[in-house]
Amino acid sequence: MYNERHLFTQNDIGRYSLGTKSKSMKLNDDGSLTIHVSSKAVDKENFENWLPAPEGEFSIYIRAYWPKEEILDGSWKPPVIVKNK
Protein backbone atom coordinates (compact mmCIF):
# COMPACT_ATOMS: atom_id res chain seq x y z
CA MET A 1 0.00 0.00 0.00
CA TYR A 2 1.53 3.25 -1.12
CA ASN A 3 0.46 6.86 -0.73
CA GLU A 4 0.22 9.47 -3.48
CA ARG A 5 4.05 9.82 -3.45
CA HIS A 6 4.49 6.03 -3.85
CA LEU A 7 5.83 5.66 -0.31
CA PHE A 8 4.50 3.42 2.45
CA THR A 9 1.70 5.18 4.23
CA GLN A 10 1.68 5.18 8.02
CA ASN A 11 -1.16 3.39 9.80
CA ASP A 12 -2.02 2.52 13.39
CA ILE A 13 -1.37 -1.22 13.03
CA GLY A 14 1.89 -1.01 11.04
CA ARG A 15 0.55 -3.14 8.19
CA TYR A 16 1.79 -2.14 4.74
CA SER A 17 1.16 -5.28 2.72
CA LEU A 18 -0.59 -8.63 2.70
CA GLY A 19 0.80 -11.71 1.03
CA THR A 20 2.02 -15.26 1.38
CA LYS A 21 3.71 -14.42 4.70
CA SER A 22 0.38 -13.17 6.11
CA LYS A 23 -0.56 -16.54 7.60
CA SER A 24 -3.56 -15.24 9.58
CA MET A 25 -5.59 -14.18 6.52
CA LYS A 26 -8.88 -16.05 6.23
CA LEU A 27 -10.19 -17.65 3.03
CA ASN A 28 -13.84 -17.43 2.04
CA ASP A 29 -15.96 -20.59 2.25
CA ASP A 30 -15.39 -21.22 -1.49
CA GLY A 31 -11.60 -21.00 -1.08
CA SER A 32 -11.28 -17.51 -2.57
CA LEU A 33 -9.60 -14.63 -0.76
CA THR A 34 -11.03 -11.17 -0.14
CA ILE A 35 -8.68 -8.36 0.86
CA HIS A 36 -10.36 -5.30 2.34
CA VAL A 37 -8.65 -2.01 1.47
CA SER A 38 -9.97 0.92 3.47
CA SER A 39 -8.86 3.96 5.43
CA LYS A 40 -11.35 2.96 8.12
CA ALA A 41 -10.91 -0.17 10.22
CA VAL A 42 -13.06 -3.14 9.29
CA ASP A 43 -14.99 -5.40 11.65
CA LYS A 44 -13.24 -8.01 13.80
CA GLU A 45 -14.20 -10.84 11.43
CA ASN A 46 -12.35 -9.22 8.49
CA PHE A 47 -9.47 -7.61 10.40
CA GLU A 48 -6.77 -10.08 9.30
CA ASN A 49 -7.69 -9.43 5.64
CA TRP A 50 -7.62 -5.64 6.02
CA LEU A 51 -4.99 -3.53 4.30
CA PRO A 52 -5.14 -0.02 5.75
CA ALA A 53 -5.22 2.69 3.07
CA PRO A 54 -4.63 6.40 3.42
CA GLU A 55 -7.39 8.94 2.96
CA GLY A 56 -7.31 10.24 -0.61
CA GLU A 57 -5.11 8.88 -3.39
CA PHE A 58 -3.09 5.68 -3.05
CA SER A 59 -1.54 2.93 -5.18
CA ILE A 60 -1.76 -0.83 -4.88
CA TYR A 61 0.91 -3.04 -6.41
CA ILE A 62 1.00 -6.79 -6.87
CA ARG A 63 4.48 -8.21 -6.52
CA ALA A 64 5.12 -11.69 -7.87
CA TYR A 65 8.43 -13.18 -6.71
CA TRP A 66 9.52 -16.33 -8.51
CA PRO A 67 6.50 -16.12 -10.86
CA LYS A 68 4.95 -19.18 -12.41
CA GLU A 69 4.59 -19.58 -16.17
CA GLU A 70 1.06 -18.12 -16.17
CA ILE A 71 2.41 -14.77 -15.04
CA LEU A 72 5.39 -14.86 -17.37
CA ASP A 73 3.32 -15.72 -20.44
CA GLY A 74 0.57 -13.19 -19.64
CA SER A 75 -2.26 -15.71 -19.28
CA TRP A 76 -2.74 -14.90 -15.57
CA LYS A 77 -4.84 -11.84 -14.90
CA PRO A 78 -4.74 -9.97 -11.58
CA PRO A 79 -7.88 -10.03 -9.46
CA VAL A 80 -10.55 -7.44 -10.04
CA ILE A 81 -10.74 -4.58 -7.56
CA VAL A 82 -14.32 -3.80 -6.58
CA LYS A 83 -15.17 -0.48 -4.95
CA ASN A 84 -17.82 -0.77 -2.25
CA LYS A 85 -19.74 2.19 -0.95
PDB file of N, CA and C in Angstrom:
ATOM      1  N   MET A   1       0.853  -1.169   0.000  1.00  0.00           N
ATOM      2  CA  MET A   1       0.000   0.000   0.000  1.00  0.00           C
ATOM      3  C   MET A   1       0.891   1.221   0.000  1.00  0.00           C
ATOM      4  N   TYR A   2       0.697   2.067  -0.981  1.00  0.00           N
ATOM      5  CA  TYR A   2       1.530   3.251  -1.118  1.00  0.00           C
ATOM      6  C   TYR A   2       0.663   4.511  -1.187  1.00  0.00           C
ATOM      7  N   ASN A   3       1.184   5.601  -0.670  1.00  0.00           N
ATOM      8  CA  ASN A   3       0.460   6.862  -0.726  1.00  0.00           C
ATOM      9  C   ASN A   3       0.643   7.535  -2.082  1.00  0.00           C
ATOM     10  N   GLU A   4       0.178   8.759  -2.197  1.00  0.00           N
ATOM     11  CA  GLU A   4       0.219   9.473  -3.479  1.00  0.00           C
ATOM     12  C   GLU A   4       1.644   9.734  -3.964  1.00  0.00           C
ATOM     13  N   ARG A   5       2.641   9.641  -3.073  1.00  0.00           N
ATOM     14  CA  ARG A   5       4.048   9.818  -3.450  1.00  0.00           C
ATOM     15  C   ARG A   5       4.745   8.475  -3.665  1.00  0.00           C
ATOM     16  N   HIS A   6       3.982   7.402  -3.669  1.00  0.00           N
ATOM     17  CA  HIS A   6       4.487   6.033  -3.851  1.00  0.00           C
ATOM     18  C   HIS A   6       5.435   5.613  -2.728  1.00  0.00           C
ATOM     19  N   LEU A   7       5.111   6.052  -1.515  1.00  0.00           N
ATOM     20  CA  LEU A   7       5.829   5.656  -0.309  1.00  0.00           C
ATOM     21  C   LEU A   7       4.853   4.923   0.598  1.00  0.00           C
ATOM     22  N   PHE A   8       5.381   4.066   1.478  1.00  0.00           N
ATOM     23  CA  PHE A   8       4.495   3.422   2.445  1.00  0.00           C
ATOM     24  C   PHE A   8       3.754   4.492   3.220  1.00  0.00           C
ATOM     25  N   THR A   9       2.498   4.235   3.468  1.00  0.00           N
ATOM     26  CA  THR A   9       1.699   5.184   4.228  1.00  0.00           C
ATOM     27  C   THR A   9       1.562   4.679   5.660  1.00  0.00           C
ATOM     28  N   GLN A  10       1.762   5.556   6.613  1.00  0.00           N
ATOM     29  CA  GLN A  10       1.680   5.178   8.019  1.00  0.00           C
ATOM     30  C   GLN A  10       0.257   4.761   8.383  1.00  0.00           C
ATOM     31  N   ASN A  11       0.150   3.782   9.280  1.00  0.00           N
ATOM     32  CA  ASN A  11      -1.158   3.391   9.803  1.00  0.00           C
ATOM     33  C   ASN A  11      -0.984   2.872  11.225  1.00  0.00           C
ATOM     34  N   ASP A  12      -2.068   2.845  11.961  1.00  0.00           N
ATOM     35  CA  ASP A  12      -2.018   2.517  13.391  1.00  0.00           C
ATOM     36  C   ASP A  12      -1.564   1.095  13.696  1.00  0.00           C
ATOM     37  N   ILE A  13      -1.737   0.161  12.744  1.00  0.00           N
ATOM     38  CA  ILE A  13      -1.367  -1.225  13.035  1.00  0.00           C
ATOM     39  C   ILE A  13      -0.052  -1.636  12.377  1.00  0.00           C
ATOM     40  N   GLY A  14       0.592  -0.714  11.659  1.00  0.00           N
ATOM     41  CA  GLY A  14       1.886  -1.013  11.045  1.00  0.00           C
ATOM     42  C   GLY A  14       1.819  -2.082   9.968  1.00  0.00           C
ATOM     43  N   ARG A  15       0.707  -2.152   9.265  1.00  0.00           N
ATOM     44  CA  ARG A  15       0.548  -3.138   8.188  1.00  0.00           C
ATOM     45  C   ARG A  15       0.616  -2.409   6.848  1.00  0.00           C
ATOM     46  N   TYR A  16       1.569  -2.819   6.012  1.00  0.00           N
ATOM     47  CA  TYR A  16       1.792  -2.136   4.738  1.00  0.00           C
ATOM     48  C   TYR A  16       1.574  -3.051   3.531  1.00  0.00           C
ATOM     49  N   SER A  17       1.391  -4.328   3.806  1.00  0.00           N
ATOM     50  CA  SER A  17       1.165  -5.282   2.721  1.00  0.00           C
ATOM     51  C   SER A  17       0.505  -6.533   3.284  1.00  0.00           C
ATOM     52  N   LEU A  18      -0.069  -7.302   2.394  1.00  0.00           N
ATOM     53  CA  LEU A  18      -0.595  -8.631   2.703  1.00  0.00           C
ATOM     54  C   LEU A  18      -0.055  -9.567   1.635  1.00  0.00           C
ATOM     55  N   GLY A  19       0.270 -10.774   2.018  1.00  0.00           N
ATOM     56  CA  GLY A  19       0.803 -11.710   1.034  1.00  0.00           C
ATOM     57  C   GLY A  19       0.974 -13.096   1.606  1.00  0.00           C
ATOM     58  N   THR A  20       1.833 -13.871   0.982  1.00  0.00           N
ATOM     59  CA  THR A  20       2.017 -15.265   1.376  1.00  0.00           C
ATOM     60  C   THR A  20       2.557 -15.407   2.793  1.00  0.00           C
ATOM     61  N   LYS A  21       3.206 -14.370   3.320  1.00  0.00           N
ATOM     62  CA  LYS A  21       3.708 -14.424   4.699  1.00  0.00           C
ATOM     63  C   LYS A  21       2.653 -14.005   5.714  1.00  0.00           C
ATOM     64  N   SER A  22       1.490 -13.577   5.231  1.00  0.00           N
ATOM     65  CA  SER A  22       0.381 -13.170   6.106  1.00  0.00           C
ATOM     66  C   SER A  22      -0.460 -14.403   6.425  1.00  0.00           C
ATOM     67  N   LYS A  23       0.038 -15.227   7.318  1.00  0.00           N
ATOM     68  CA  LYS A  23      -0.561 -16.537   7.604  1.00  0.00           C
ATOM     69  C   LYS A  23      -1.923 -16.471   8.278  1.00  0.00           C
ATOM     70  N   SER A  24      -2.285 -15.328   8.857  1.00  0.00           N
ATOM     71  CA  SER A  24      -3.557 -15.243   9.580  1.00  0.00           C
ATOM     72  C   SER A  24      -4.730 -14.816   8.698  1.00  0.00           C
ATOM     73  N   MET A  25      -4.472 -14.543   7.404  1.00  0.00           N
ATOM     74  CA  MET A  25      -5.590 -14.180   6.521  1.00  0.00           C
ATOM     75  C   MET A  25      -6.563 -15.351   6.433  1.00  0.00           C
ATOM     76  N   LYS A  26      -7.842 -15.024   6.263  1.00  0.00           N
ATOM     77  CA  LYS A  26      -8.885 -16.050   6.226  1.00  0.00           C
ATOM     78  C   LYS A  26      -9.459 -16.156   4.821  1.00  0.00           C
ATOM     79  N   LEU A  27      -9.573 -17.393   4.332  1.00  0.00           N
ATOM     80  CA  LEU A  27     -10.191 -17.650   3.031  1.00  0.00           C
ATOM     81  C   LEU A  27     -11.706 -17.649   3.171  1.00  0.00           C
ATOM     82  N   ASN A  28     -12.386 -17.329   2.089  1.00  0.00           N
ATOM     83  CA  ASN A  28     -13.840 -17.430   2.045  1.00  0.00           C
ATOM     84  C   ASN A  28     -14.228 -18.902   1.998  1.00  0.00           C
ATOM     85  N   ASP A  29     -15.482 -19.204   2.245  1.00  0.00           N
ATOM     86  CA  ASP A  29     -15.963 -20.590   2.247  1.00  0.00           C
ATOM     87  C   ASP A  29     -15.670 -21.315   0.940  1.00  0.00           C
ATOM     88  N   ASP A  30     -15.644 -20.581  -0.183  1.00  0.00           N
ATOM     89  CA  ASP A  30     -15.389 -21.216  -1.486  1.00  0.00           C
ATOM     90  C   ASP A  30     -13.902 -21.303  -1.812  1.00  0.00           C
ATOM     91  N   GLY A  31     -13.036 -20.916  -0.869  1.00  0.00           N
ATOM     92  CA  GLY A  31     -11.595 -20.999  -1.081  1.00  0.00           C
ATOM     93  C   GLY A  31     -10.979 -19.731  -1.659  1.00  0.00           C
ATOM     94  N   SER A  32     -11.797 -18.770  -2.043  1.00  0.00           N
ATOM     95  CA  SER A  32     -11.281 -17.512  -2.567  1.00  0.00           C
ATOM     96  C   SER A  32     -10.798 -16.620  -1.422  1.00  0.00           C
ATOM     97  N   LEU A  33     -10.140 -15.546  -1.761  1.00  0.00           N
ATOM     98  CA  LEU A  33      -9.598 -14.631  -0.761  1.00  0.00           C
ATOM     99  C   LEU A  33     -10.089 -13.224  -1.050  1.00  0.00           C
ATOM    100  N   THR A  34     -10.609 -12.564  -0.037  1.00  0.00           N
ATOM    101  CA  THR A  34     -11.030 -11.170  -0.145  1.00  0.00           C
ATOM    102  C   THR A  34     -10.102 -10.338   0.717  1.00  0.00           C
ATOM    103  N   ILE A  35      -9.496  -9.311   0.125  1.00  0.00           N
ATOM    104  CA  ILE A  35      -8.675  -8.361   0.858  1.00  0.00           C
ATOM    105  C   ILE A  35      -9.455  -7.057   0.926  1.00  0.00           C
ATOM    106  N   HIS A  36      -9.618  -6.541   2.125  1.00  0.00           N
ATOM    107  CA  HIS A  36     -10.363  -5.304   2.338  1.00  0.00           C
ATOM    108  C   HIS A  36      -9.370  -4.146   2.411  1.00  0.00           C
ATOM    109  N   VAL A  37      -9.512  -3.185   1.517  1.00  0.00           N
ATOM    110  CA  VAL A  37      -8.648  -2.009   1.472  1.00  0.00           C
ATOM    111  C   VAL A  37      -9.497  -0.809   1.854  1.00  0.00           C
ATOM    112  N   SER A  38      -9.147  -0.171   2.964  1.00  0.00           N
ATOM    113  CA  SER A  38      -9.973   0.915   3.473  1.00  0.00           C
ATOM    114  C   SER A  38      -9.172   1.785   4.430  1.00  0.00           C
ATOM    115  N   SER A  39      -9.492   3.072   4.456  1.00  0.00           N
ATOM    116  CA  SER A  39      -8.857   3.964   5.431  1.00  0.00           C
ATOM    117  C   SER A  39      -9.493   3.807   6.809  1.00  0.00           C
ATOM    118  N   LYS A  40     -10.662   3.199   6.855  1.00  0.00           N
ATOM    119  CA  LYS A  40     -11.353   2.958   8.124  1.00  0.00           C
ATOM    120  C   LYS A  40     -11.235   1.481   8.488  1.00  0.00           C
ATOM    121  N   ALA A  41     -11.046   1.211   9.764  1.00  0.00           N
ATOM    122  CA  ALA A  41     -10.910  -0.168  10.224  1.00  0.00           C
ATOM    123  C   ALA A  41     -12.155  -0.976   9.876  1.00  0.00           C
ATOM    124  N   VAL A  42     -11.950  -2.235   9.587  1.00  0.00           N
ATOM    125  CA  VAL A  42     -13.060  -3.144   9.288  1.00  0.00           C
ATOM    126  C   VAL A  42     -13.455  -3.873  10.567  1.00  0.00           C
ATOM    127  N   ASP A  43     -14.531  -4.662  10.474  1.00  0.00           N
ATOM    128  CA  ASP A  43     -14.987  -5.399  11.648  1.00  0.00           C
ATOM    129  C   ASP A  43     -13.987  -6.493  12.038  1.00  0.00           C
ATOM    130  N   LYS A  44     -14.150  -7.014  13.240  1.00  0.00           N
ATOM    131  CA  LYS A  44     -13.237  -8.012  13.800  1.00  0.00           C
ATOM    132  C   LYS A  44     -13.096  -9.240  12.896  1.00  0.00           C
ATOM    133  N   GLU A  45     -14.194  -9.654  12.288  1.00  0.00           N
ATOM    134  CA  GLU A  45     -14.201 -10.842  11.431  1.00  0.00           C
ATOM    135  C   GLU A  45     -13.281 -10.682  10.217  1.00  0.00           C
ATOM    136  N   ASN A  46     -13.148  -9.462   9.693  1.00  0.00           N
ATOM    137  CA  ASN A  46     -12.348  -9.217   8.490  1.00  0.00           C
ATOM    138  C   ASN A  46     -11.009  -8.549   8.769  1.00  0.00           C
ATOM    139  N   PHE A  47     -10.659  -8.372  10.028  1.00  0.00           N
ATOM    140  CA  PHE A  47      -9.469  -7.609  10.401  1.00  0.00           C
ATOM    141  C   PHE A  47      -8.179  -8.168   9.797  1.00  0.00           C
ATOM    142  N   GLU A  48      -8.018  -9.476   9.815  1.00  0.00           N
ATOM    143  CA  GLU A  48      -6.774 -10.084   9.303  1.00  0.00           C
ATOM    144  C   GLU A  48      -6.624  -9.901   7.795  1.00  0.00           C
ATOM    145  N   ASN A  49      -7.715  -9.636   7.098  1.00  0.00           N
ATOM    146  CA  ASN A  49      -7.687  -9.434   5.641  1.00  0.00           C
ATOM    147  C   ASN A  49      -7.766  -7.956   5.275  1.00  0.00           C
ATOM    148  N   TRP A  50      -7.515  -7.081   6.239  1.00  0.00           N
ATOM    149  CA  TRP A  50      -7.619  -5.642   6.021  1.00  0.00           C
ATOM    150  C   TRP A  50      -6.255  -5.037   5.728  1.00  0.00           C
ATOM    151  N   LEU A  51      -6.180  -4.302   4.635  1.00  0.00           N
ATOM    152  CA  LEU A  51      -4.987  -3.534   4.297  1.00  0.00           C
ATOM    153  C   LEU A  51      -5.332  -2.059   4.465  1.00  0.00           C
ATOM    154  N   PRO A  52      -4.816  -1.422   5.524  1.00  0.00           N
ATOM    155  CA  PRO A  52      -5.140  -0.015   5.751  1.00  0.00           C
ATOM    156  C   PRO A  52      -4.663   0.873   4.599  1.00  0.00           C
ATOM    157  N   ALA A  53      -5.524   1.756   4.165  1.00  0.00           N
ATOM    158  CA  ALA A  53      -5.218   2.689   3.074  1.00  0.00           C
ATOM    159  C   ALA A  53      -5.274   4.111   3.612  1.00  0.00           C
ATOM    160  N   PRO A  54      -4.531   5.006   2.990  1.00  0.00           N
ATOM    161  CA  PRO A  54      -4.628   6.402   3.415  1.00  0.00           C
ATOM    162  C   PRO A  54      -5.910   7.032   2.904  1.00  0.00           C
ATOM    163  N   GLU A  55      -6.294   8.140   3.506  1.00  0.00           N
ATOM    164  CA  GLU A  55      -7.389   8.945   2.964  1.00  0.00           C
ATOM    165  C   GLU A  55      -6.888   9.515   1.640  1.00  0.00           C
ATOM    166  N   GLY A  56      -7.729   9.642   0.660  1.00  0.00           N
ATOM    167  CA  GLY A  56      -7.308  10.237  -0.611  1.00  0.00           C
ATOM    168  C   GLY A  56      -6.660   9.231  -1.552  1.00  0.00           C
ATOM    169  N   GLU A  57      -5.727   9.709  -2.349  1.00  0.00           N
ATOM    170  CA  GLU A  57      -5.114   8.875  -3.387  1.00  0.00           C
ATOM    171  C   GLU A  57      -4.122   7.872  -2.796  1.00  0.00           C
ATOM    172  N   PHE A  58      -4.070   6.694  -3.431  1.00  0.00           N
ATOM    173  CA  PHE A  58      -3.092   5.679  -3.049  1.00  0.00           C
ATOM    174  C   PHE A  58      -2.882   4.739  -4.231  1.00  0.00           C
ATOM    175  N   SER A  59      -1.855   3.912  -4.132  1.00  0.00           N
ATOM    176  CA  SER A  59      -1.539   2.933  -5.178  1.00  0.00           C
ATOM    177  C   SER A  59      -1.426   1.554  -4.550  1.00  0.00           C
ATOM    178  N   ILE A  60      -1.886   0.564  -5.289  1.00  0.00           N
ATOM    179  CA  ILE A  60      -1.759  -0.831  -4.878  1.00  0.00           C
ATOM    180  C   ILE A  60      -0.921  -1.533  -5.935  1.00  0.00           C
ATOM    181  N   TYR A  61       0.067  -2.290  -5.498  1.00  0.00           N
ATOM    182  CA  TYR A  61       0.913  -3.045  -6.411  1.00  0.00           C
ATOM    183  C   TYR A  61       0.834  -4.516  -6.064  1.00  0.00           C
ATOM    184  N   ILE A  62       0.879  -5.358  -7.075  1.00  0.00           N
ATOM    185  CA  ILE A  62       0.996  -6.792  -6.869  1.00  0.00           C
ATOM    186  C   ILE A  62       2.417  -7.170  -7.233  1.00  0.00           C
ATOM    187  N   ARG A  63       3.110  -7.759  -6.281  1.00  0.00           N
ATOM    188  CA  ARG A  63       4.476  -8.208  -6.525  1.00  0.00           C
ATOM    189  C   ARG A  63       4.468  -9.721  -6.633  1.00  0.00           C
ATOM    190  N   ALA A  64       5.075 -10.242  -7.657  1.00  0.00           N
ATOM    191  CA  ALA A  64       5.125 -11.689  -7.866  1.00  0.00           C
ATOM    192  C   ALA A  64       6.588 -12.125  -7.900  1.00  0.00           C
ATOM    193  N   TYR A  65       7.060 -12.675  -6.787  1.00  0.00           N
ATOM    194  CA  TYR A  65       8.428 -13.175  -6.707  1.00  0.00           C
ATOM    195  C   TYR A  65       8.443 -14.623  -7.169  1.00  0.00           C
ATOM    196  N   TRP A  66       9.416 -14.994  -7.946  1.00  0.00           N
ATOM    197  CA  TRP A  66       9.516 -16.326  -8.514  1.00  0.00           C
ATOM    198  C   TRP A  66       8.206 -16.701  -9.214  1.00  0.00           C
ATOM    199  N   PRO A  67       7.811 -15.915 -10.206  1.00  0.00           N
ATOM    200  CA  PRO A  67       6.504 -16.124 -10.860  1.00  0.00           C
ATOM    201  C   PRO A  67       6.429 -17.447 -11.612  1.00  0.00           C
ATOM    202  N   LYS A  68       5.219 -17.969 -11.641  1.00  0.00           N
ATOM    203  CA  LYS A  68       4.948 -19.177 -12.414  1.00  0.00           C
ATOM    204  C   LYS A  68       4.740 -18.794 -13.879  1.00  0.00           C
ATOM    205  N   GLU A  69       4.694 -19.792 -14.721  1.00  0.00           N
ATOM    206  CA  GLU A  69       4.594 -19.580 -16.165  1.00  0.00           C
ATOM    207  C   GLU A  69       3.395 -18.725 -16.551  1.00  0.00           C
ATOM    208  N   GLU A  70       2.269 -18.879 -15.842  1.00  0.00           N
ATOM    209  CA  GLU A  70       1.056 -18.124 -16.174  1.00  0.00           C
ATOM    210  C   GLU A  70       1.276 -16.612 -16.081  1.00  0.00           C
ATOM    211  N   ILE A  71       2.100 -16.196 -15.156  1.00  0.00           N
ATOM    212  CA  ILE A  71       2.411 -14.771 -15.040  1.00  0.00           C
ATOM    213  C   ILE A  71       3.379 -14.365 -16.141  1.00  0.00           C
ATOM    214  N   LEU A  72       4.378 -15.185 -16.355  1.00  0.00           N
ATOM    215  CA  LEU A  72       5.385 -14.856 -17.366  1.00  0.00           C
ATOM    216  C   LEU A  72       4.815 -14.803 -18.777  1.00  0.00           C
ATOM    217  N   ASP A  73       3.861 -15.695 -19.078  1.00  0.00           N
ATOM    218  CA  ASP A  73       3.320 -15.715 -20.445  1.00  0.00           C
ATOM    219  C   ASP A  73       2.100 -14.811 -20.622  1.00  0.00           C
ATOM    220  N   GLY A  74       1.676 -14.149 -19.544  1.00  0.00           N
ATOM    221  CA  GLY A  74       0.574 -13.186 -19.637  1.00  0.00           C
ATOM    222  C   GLY A  74      -0.812 -13.789 -19.568  1.00  0.00           C
ATOM    223  N   SER A  75      -0.931 -15.111 -19.333  1.00  0.00           N
ATOM    224  CA  SER A  75      -2.265 -15.714 -19.282  1.00  0.00           C
ATOM    225  C   SER A  75      -2.942 -15.499 -17.927  1.00  0.00           C
ATOM    226  N   TRP A  76      -2.175 -15.214 -16.882  1.00  0.00           N
ATOM    227  CA  TRP A  76      -2.744 -14.897 -15.573  1.00  0.00           C
ATOM    228  C   TRP A  76      -3.163 -13.439 -15.553  1.00  0.00           C
ATOM    229  N   LYS A  77      -4.337 -13.206 -15.023  1.00  0.00           N
ATOM    230  CA  LYS A  77      -4.844 -11.842 -14.897  1.00  0.00           C
ATOM    231  C   LYS A  77      -4.983 -11.517 -13.413  1.00  0.00           C
ATOM    232  N   PRO A  78      -4.596 -10.330 -13.001  1.00  0.00           N
ATOM    233  CA  PRO A  78      -4.740  -9.974 -11.582  1.00  0.00           C
ATOM    234  C   PRO A  78      -6.206  -9.909 -11.195  1.00  0.00           C
ATOM    235  N   PRO A  79      -6.484 -10.072  -9.909  1.00  0.00           N
ATOM    236  CA  PRO A  79      -7.883 -10.034  -9.459  1.00  0.00           C
ATOM    237  C   PRO A  79      -8.506  -8.661  -9.694  1.00  0.00           C
ATOM    238  N   VAL A  80      -9.791  -8.671  -9.845  1.00  0.00           N
ATOM    239  CA  VAL A  80     -10.551  -7.442 -10.045  1.00  0.00           C
ATOM    240  C   VAL A  80     -10.682  -6.705  -8.713  1.00  0.00           C
ATOM    241  N   ILE A  81     -10.516  -5.402  -8.744  1.00  0.00           N
ATOM    242  CA  ILE A  81     -10.736  -4.582  -7.561  1.00  0.00           C
ATOM    243  C   ILE A  81     -12.135  -4.005  -7.648  1.00  0.00           C
ATOM    244  N   VAL A  82     -12.923  -4.247  -6.617  1.00  0.00           N
ATOM    245  CA  VAL A  82     -14.318  -3.799  -6.585  1.00  0.00           C
ATOM    246  C   VAL A  82     -14.447  -2.722  -5.515  1.00  0.00           C
ATOM    247  N   LYS A  83     -14.971  -1.566  -5.905  1.00  0.00           N
ATOM    248  CA  LYS A  83     -15.166  -0.479  -4.951  1.00  0.00           C
ATOM    249  C   LYS A  83     -16.534  -0.610  -4.320  1.00  0.00           C
ATOM    250  N   ASN A  84     -16.567  -0.741  -2.997  1.00  0.00           N
ATOM    251  CA  ASN A  84     -17.821  -0.773  -2.253  1.00  0.00           C
ATOM    252  C   ASN A  84     -18.114   0.612  -1.721  1.00  0.00           C
ATOM    253  N   LYS A  85     -19.364   0.885  -1.504  1.00  0.00           N
ATOM    254  CA  LYS A  85     -19.745   2.185  -0.949  1.00  0.00           C
ATOM    255  C   LYS A  85     -20.073   2.068   0.495  1.00  0.00           C
TER     256      LYS A  85
END
